[in-house]
Amino acid sequence: MDFADKTGILGQLWIEFRDDPQFKVFIEYNDIGLPMAYMVAEGLIKELTPLGEQYIDESFKMLMDLLEVEESVLDEVLFDKNLGAVLLFAYQKKQNKTE
């Protein structure tokens, strides 16, 4: 998944779920990576240092681990890579696992 998709997904997550109790621990732990991803996605930050990219990559990896999905699988199955598509895919995967 390209970096722009990652920042878009993380930025949208931060804006829409930062007050959601189910994401509280994740949001608190990623208190640098998520807002930074939002600022990159919105064009407020034009260039990151390698450390800034690392924060965002680590936040994205943690999200994938939380949702129990592989980034490579998302690349294969999702045409439109946005937060809604990722969450729907993770939900459907979890539902299929329980049936």
C-alpha atoms as a PDB file:
ATOM      1  CA  MET A   1       0.000   0.000   0.000  1.00  0.00           C
ATOM      2  CA  ASP A   2       1.432   3.363  -0.853  1.00  0.00           C
ATOM      3  CA  PHE A   3       2.229   5.967   1.770  1.00  0.00           C
ATOM      4  CA  ALA A   4      -0.563   8.329   0.648  1.00  0.00           C
ATOM      5  CA  ASP A   5      -3.170   5.601   1.238  1.00  0.00           C
ATOM      6  CA  LYS A   6      -1.734   4.897   4.688  1.00  0.00           C
ATOM      7  CA  THR A   7      -1.806   8.559   5.698  1.00  0.00           C
ATOM      8  CA  GLY A   8      -5.349   8.931   4.361  1.00  0.00           C
ATOM      9  CA  ILE A   9      -6.603   5.919   6.312  1.00  0.00           C
ATOM     10  CA  LEU A  10      -4.838   6.903   9.541  1.00  0.00           C
ATOM     11  CA  GLY A  11      -5.840  10.544   9.227  1.00  0.00           C
ATOM     12  CA  GLN A  12      -9.486   9.658   8.709  1.00  0.00           C
ATOM     13  CA  LEU A  13      -9.328   7.244  11.658  1.00  0.00           C
ATOM     14  CA  TRP A  14      -7.876   9.969  13.877  1.00  0.00           C
ATOM     15  CA  ILE A  15     -10.539  12.520  12.896  1.00  0.00           C
ATOM     16  CA  GLU A  16     -13.528  10.178  13.088  1.00  0.00           C
ATOM     17  CA  PHE A  17     -12.609   7.910  16.015  1.00  0.00           C
ATOM     18  CA  ARG A  18     -10.359   9.895  18.337  1.00  0.00           C
ATOM     19  CA  ASP A  19     -13.174  10.143  20.910  1.00  0.00           C
ATOM     20  CA  ASP A  20     -14.426   6.569  20.438  1.00  0.00           C
ATOM     21  CA  PRO A  21     -13.892   4.509  23.604  1.00  0.00           C
ATOM     22  CA  GLN A  22     -13.177   1.361  21.568  1.00  0.00           C
ATOM     23  CA  PHE A  23     -10.145   3.045  19.964  1.00  0.00           C
ATOM     24  CA  LYS A  24      -9.052   4.927  23.113  1.00  0.00           C
ATOM     25  CA  VAL A  25      -5.896   2.917  23.822  1.00  0.00           C
ATOM     26  CA  PHE A  26      -4.878   2.817  20.151  1.00  0.00           C
ATOM     27  CA  ILE A  27      -5.399   6.566  19.731  1.00  0.00           C
ATOM     28  CA  GLU A  28      -3.523   7.398  22.930  1.00  0.00           C
ATOM     29  CA  TYR A  29      -0.565   5.187  22.029  1.00  0.00           C
ATOM     30  CA  ASN A  30      -0.344   6.625  18.499  1.00  0.00           C
ATOM     31  CA  ASP A  31      -0.612  10.239  19.644  1.00  0.00           C
ATOM     32  CA  ILE A  32       2.141  11.322  17.238  1.00  0.00           C
ATOM     33  CA  GLY A  33       1.671   9.034  14.231  1.00  0.00           C
ATOM     34  CA  LEU A  34      -2.069   9.604  13.776  1.00  0.00           C
ATOM     35  CA  PRO A  35      -2.158  13.422  13.819  1.00  0.00           C
ATOM     36  CA  MET A  36       1.000  13.481  11.706  1.00  0.00           C
ATOM     37  CA  ALA A  37      -0.662  11.171   9.166  1.00  0.00           C
ATOM     38  CA  TYR A  38      -3.676  13.489   9.101  1.00  0.00           C
ATOM     39  CA  MET A  39      -1.486  16.524   8.479  1.00  0.00           C
ATOM     40  CA  VAL A  40       0.352  14.764   5.655  1.00  0.00           C
ATOM     41  CA  ALA A  41      -2.917  13.562   4.091  1.00  0.00           C
ATOM     42  CA  GLU A  42      -4.342  17.085   4.209  1.00  0.00           C
ATOM     43  CA  GLY A  43      -1.219  18.647   2.732  1.00  0.00           C
ATOM     44  CA  LEU A  44      -0.313  20.544   5.900  1.00  0.00           C
ATOM     45  CA  ILE A  45       3.066  18.770   6.011  1.00  0.00           C
ATOM     46  CA  LYS A  46       4.847  18.483   2.685  1.00  0.00           C
ATOM     47  CA  GLU A  47       7.882  16.437   3.687  1.00  0.00           C
ATOM     48  CA  LEU A  48       8.677  14.102   6.561  1.00  0.00           C
ATOM     49  CA  THR A  49      11.918  13.028   8.104  1.00  0.00           C
ATOM     50  CA  PRO A  50      12.641   9.289   8.105  1.00  0.00           C
ATOM     51  CA  LEU A  51      11.573   9.237  11.768  1.00  0.00           C
ATOM     52  CA  GLY A  52       8.232  10.836  10.864  1.00  0.00           C
ATOM     53  CA  GLU A  53       7.659   8.188   8.188  1.00  0.00           C
ATOM     54  CA  GLN A  54       8.542   5.522  10.745  1.00  0.00           C
ATOM     55  CA  TYR A  55       5.911   6.837  13.182  1.00  0.00           C
ATOM     56  CA  ILE A  56       3.244   6.640  10.487  1.00  0.00           C
ATOM     57  CA  ASP A  57       4.342   3.209   9.252  1.00  0.00           C
ATOM     58  CA  GLU A  58       4.317   1.863  12.813  1.00  0.00           C
ATOM     59  CA  SER A  59       0.862   3.310  13.468  1.00  0.00           C
ATOM     60  CA  PHE A  60      -0.426   1.707  10.274  1.00  0.00           C
ATOM     61  CA  LYS A  61       1.119  -1.658  11.173  1.00  0.00           C
ATOM     62  CA  MET A  62      -0.509  -1.471  14.598  1.00  0.00           C
ATOM     63  CA  LEU A  63      -3.878  -0.763  12.967  1.00  0.00           C
ATOM     64  CA  MET A  64      -3.462  -3.775  10.687  1.00  0.00           C
ATOM     65  CA  ASP A  65      -2.580  -5.924  13.718  1.00  0.00           C
ATOM     66  CA  LEU A  66      -5.578  -4.571  15.639  1.00  0.00           C
ATOM     67  CA  LEU A  67      -7.915  -5.360  12.748  1.00  0.00           C
ATOM     68  CA  GLU A  68      -6.196  -8.708  12.090  1.00  0.00           C
ATOM     69  CA  VAL A  69      -5.668  -8.020   8.390  1.00  0.00           C
ATOM     70  CA  GLU A  70      -2.575  -8.118   6.232  1.00  0.00           C
ATOM     71  CA  GLU A  71      -1.565  -5.028   4.303  1.00  0.00           C
ATOM     72  CA  SER A  72      -0.650  -7.210   1.310  1.00  0.00           C
ATOM     73  CA  VAL A  73      -4.144  -8.721   1.273  1.00  0.00           C
ATOM     74  CA  LEU A  74      -5.714  -5.247   1.273  1.00  0.00           C
ATOM     75  CA  ASP A  75      -3.550  -4.360  -1.714  1.00  0.00           C
ATOM     76  CA  GLU A  76      -4.893  -7.394  -3.557  1.00  0.00           C
ATOM     77  CA  VAL A  77      -8.600  -7.082  -2.761  1.00  0.00           C
ATOM     78  CA  LEU A  78      -9.361  -3.390  -2.282  1.00  0.00           C
ATOM     79  CA  PHE A  79      -9.597  -1.108  -5.265  1.00  0.00           C
ATOM     80  CA  ASP A  80     -10.439   1.976  -3.197  1.00  0.00           C
ATOM     81  CA  LYS A  81      -8.175   2.070  -0.163  1.00  0.00           C
ATOM     82  CA  ASN A  82      -9.927   4.188   2.435  1.00  0.00           C
ATOM     83  CA  LEU A  83     -10.848   3.707   6.077  1.00  0.00           C
ATOM     84  CA  GLY A  84     -14.414   2.581   5.365  1.00  0.00           C
ATOM     85  CA  ALA A  85     -13.260  -0.100   2.930  1.00  0.00           C
ATOM     86  CA  VAL A  86     -10.584  -1.332   5.347  1.00  0.00           C
ATOM     87  CA  LEU A  87     -12.983  -1.513   8.298  1.00  0.00           C
ATOM     88  CA  LEU A  88     -15.633  -3.263   6.202  1.00  0.00           C
ATOM     89  CA  PHE A  89     -13.099  -5.799   4.952  1.00  0.00           C
ATOM     90  CA  ALA A  90     -11.882  -6.481   8.505  1.00  0.00           C
ATOM     91  CA  TYR A  91     -15.472  -6.849   9.748  1.00  0.00           C
ATOM     92  CA  GLN A  92     -16.399  -9.262   6.947  1.00  0.00           C
ATOM     93  CA  LYS A  93     -13.245 -11.276   7.544  1.00  0.00           C
ATOM     94  CA  LYS A  94     -14.069 -11.560  11.242  1.00  0.00           C
ATOM     95  CA  GLN A  95     -17.682 -12.565  10.467  1.00  0.00           C
ATOM     96  CA  ASN A  96     -16.528 -15.262   8.038  1.00  0.00           C
ATOM     97  CA  LYS A  97     -14.129 -16.594  10.662  1.00  0.00           C
ATOM     98  CA  THR A  98     -16.904 -17.005  13.248  1.00  0.00           C
ATOM     99  CA  GLU A  99     -19.338 -18.759  10.901  1.00  0.00           C
END
